[in-house]
Amino acid sequence: MSQRYMAPLSMQISCALKARGVEVVFGIPGAHNQELYRGLEEAGLRYILARHEQGAGLMPMAMRGPWAARALRS
């Protein structure tokens, strides 16, 4: 029986975001999402640290990029 390699969930999430055109992620790292941030770096996504959760939610609108418009529709 052969073992198949399965990428960590953080890498799967990061690759899915990248495949959907996400280039930048805003947020606040913590103990519960630390692995996700490692996956973002490995996938080549840019991360911007926010000082407050509400600020992280408003940052994409401030950027006014084409990907920000997609985030607003979903």
C-alpha atoms as a PDB file:
ATOM      1  CA  MET A   1       0.000   0.000   0.000  1.00  0.00           C
ATOM      2  CA  SER A   2       1.482   3.358  -0.988  1.00  0.00           C
ATOM      3  CA  GLN A   3       1.140   6.503   1.060  1.00  0.00           C
ATOM      4  CA  ARG A   4       0.061   9.658  -0.688  1.00  0.00           C
ATOM      5  CA  TYR A   5       1.340  13.034   0.400  1.00  0.00           C
ATOM      6  CA  MET A   6      -1.375  15.504   1.328  1.00  0.00           C
ATOM      7  CA  ALA A   7      -0.411  19.141   1.670  1.00  0.00           C
ATOM      8  CA  PRO A   8      -1.237  20.777   5.000  1.00  0.00           C
ATOM      9  CA  LEU A   9      -4.612  22.501   5.160  1.00  0.00           C
ATOM     10  CA  SER A  10      -2.936  25.910   5.431  1.00  0.00           C
ATOM     11  CA  MET A  11      -1.208  25.339   2.098  1.00  0.00           C
ATOM     12  CA  GLN A  12      -4.409  24.065   0.480  1.00  0.00           C
ATOM     13  CA  ILE A  13      -6.300  27.183   1.611  1.00  0.00           C
ATOM     14  CA  SER A  14      -3.514  29.487   0.454  1.00  0.00           C
ATOM     15  CA  CYS A  15      -3.297  27.841  -2.961  1.00  0.00           C
ATOM     16  CA  ALA A  16      -7.092  28.045  -3.345  1.00  0.00           C
ATOM     17  CA  LEU A  17      -6.982  31.769  -2.577  1.00  0.00           C
ATOM     18  CA  LYS A  18      -4.171  32.303  -5.077  1.00  0.00           C
ATOM     19  CA  ALA A  19      -6.038  30.306  -7.735  1.00  0.00           C
ATOM     20  CA  ARG A  20      -9.027  32.632  -7.299  1.00  0.00           C
ATOM     21  CA  GLY A  21      -6.924  35.724  -7.920  1.00  0.00           C
ATOM     22  CA  VAL A  22      -6.249  36.821  -4.350  1.00  0.00           C
ATOM     23  CA  GLU A  23      -2.946  38.671  -4.097  1.00  0.00           C
ATOM     24  CA  VAL A  24      -3.087  40.302  -0.665  1.00  0.00           C
ATOM     25  CA  VAL A  25      -4.451  39.081   2.671  1.00  0.00           C
ATOM     26  CA  PHE A  26      -5.198  41.408   5.587  1.00  0.00           C
ATOM     27  CA  GLY A  27      -5.430  40.211   9.159  1.00  0.00           C
ATOM     28  CA  ILE A  28      -4.106  39.750  12.647  1.00  0.00           C
ATOM     29  CA  PRO A  29      -2.005  36.654  13.336  1.00  0.00           C
ATOM     30  CA  GLY A  30      -2.663  34.704  16.492  1.00  0.00           C
ATOM     31  CA  ALA A  31      -2.156  31.308  18.068  1.00  0.00           C
ATOM     32  CA  HIS A  32      -5.141  29.801  16.254  1.00  0.00           C
ATOM     33  CA  ASN A  33      -4.244  30.911  12.736  1.00  0.00           C
ATOM     34  CA  GLN A  34      -0.451  30.852  12.844  1.00  0.00           C
ATOM     35  CA  GLU A  35      -0.197  27.907  10.454  1.00  0.00           C
ATOM     36  CA  LEU A  36      -2.420  29.675   7.925  1.00  0.00           C
ATOM     37  CA  TYR A  37       0.054  32.555   7.763  1.00  0.00           C
ATOM     38  CA  ARG A  38       2.885  30.118   7.048  1.00  0.00           C
ATOM     39  CA  GLY A  39       0.854  28.767   4.143  1.00  0.00           C
ATOM     40  CA  LEU A  40       0.281  32.285   2.800  1.00  0.00           C
ATOM     41  CA  GLU A  41       4.004  32.888   2.658  1.00  0.00           C
ATOM     42  CA  GLU A  42       4.681  29.570   0.937  1.00  0.00           C
ATOM     43  CA  ALA A  43       1.997  30.278  -1.687  1.00  0.00           C
ATOM     44  CA  GLY A  44       3.507  33.678  -2.442  1.00  0.00           C
ATOM     45  CA  LEU A  45       0.603  35.744  -1.131  1.00  0.00           C
ATOM     46  CA  ARG A  46       1.329  39.158   0.322  1.00  0.00           C
ATOM     47  CA  TYR A  47       0.221  39.685   3.903  1.00  0.00           C
ATOM     48  CA  ILE A  48      -0.584  43.034   5.500  1.00  0.00           C
ATOM     49  CA  LEU A  49      -0.794  43.239   9.271  1.00  0.00           C
ATOM     50  CA  ALA A  50      -3.818  45.060  10.658  1.00  0.00           C
ATOM     51  CA  ARG A  51      -3.983  46.607  14.082  1.00  0.00           C
ATOM     52  CA  HIS A  52      -7.687  45.904  14.511  1.00  0.00           C
ATOM     53  CA  GLU A  53     -10.111  43.340  13.074  1.00  0.00           C
ATOM     54  CA  GLN A  54     -12.477  45.997  11.731  1.00  0.00           C
ATOM     55  CA  GLY A  55      -9.548  47.733  10.075  1.00  0.00           C
ATOM     56  CA  ALA A  56      -8.630  44.473   8.354  1.00  0.00           C
ATOM     57  CA  GLY A  57     -12.170  44.274   6.996  1.00  0.00           C
ATOM     58  CA  LEU A  58     -12.028  47.789   5.566  1.00  0.00           C
ATOM     59  CA  MET A  59      -8.512  47.638   4.089  1.00  0.00           C
ATOM     60  CA  PRO A  60      -9.524  45.943   0.818  1.00  0.00           C
ATOM     61  CA  MET A  61     -12.004  48.718   0.106  1.00  0.00           C
ATOM     62  CA  ALA A  62      -9.298  51.296   0.708  1.00  0.00           C
ATOM     63  CA  MET A  63      -6.988  49.560  -1.765  1.00  0.00           C
ATOM     64  CA  ARG A  64      -9.641  49.772  -4.519  1.00  0.00           C
ATOM     65  CA  GLY A  65      -7.970  47.140  -6.646  1.00  0.00           C
ATOM     66  CA  PRO A  66      -9.797  44.802  -9.009  1.00  0.00           C
ATOM     67  CA  TRP A  67      -9.521  41.976  -6.465  1.00  0.00           C
ATOM     68  CA  ALA A  68     -11.049  44.270  -3.792  1.00  0.00           C
ATOM     69  CA  ALA A  69     -14.145  44.706  -5.948  1.00  0.00           C
ATOM     70  CA  ARG A  70     -14.502  40.928  -6.210  1.00  0.00           C
ATOM     71  CA  ALA A  71     -14.243  40.620  -2.415  1.00  0.00           C
ATOM     72  CA  LEU A  72     -17.031  43.130  -1.954  1.00  0.00           C
ATOM     73  CA  ARG A  73     -19.400  41.171  -4.218  1.00  0.00           C
ATOM     74  CA  SER A  74     -18.984  37.884  -2.322  1.00  0.00           C
END
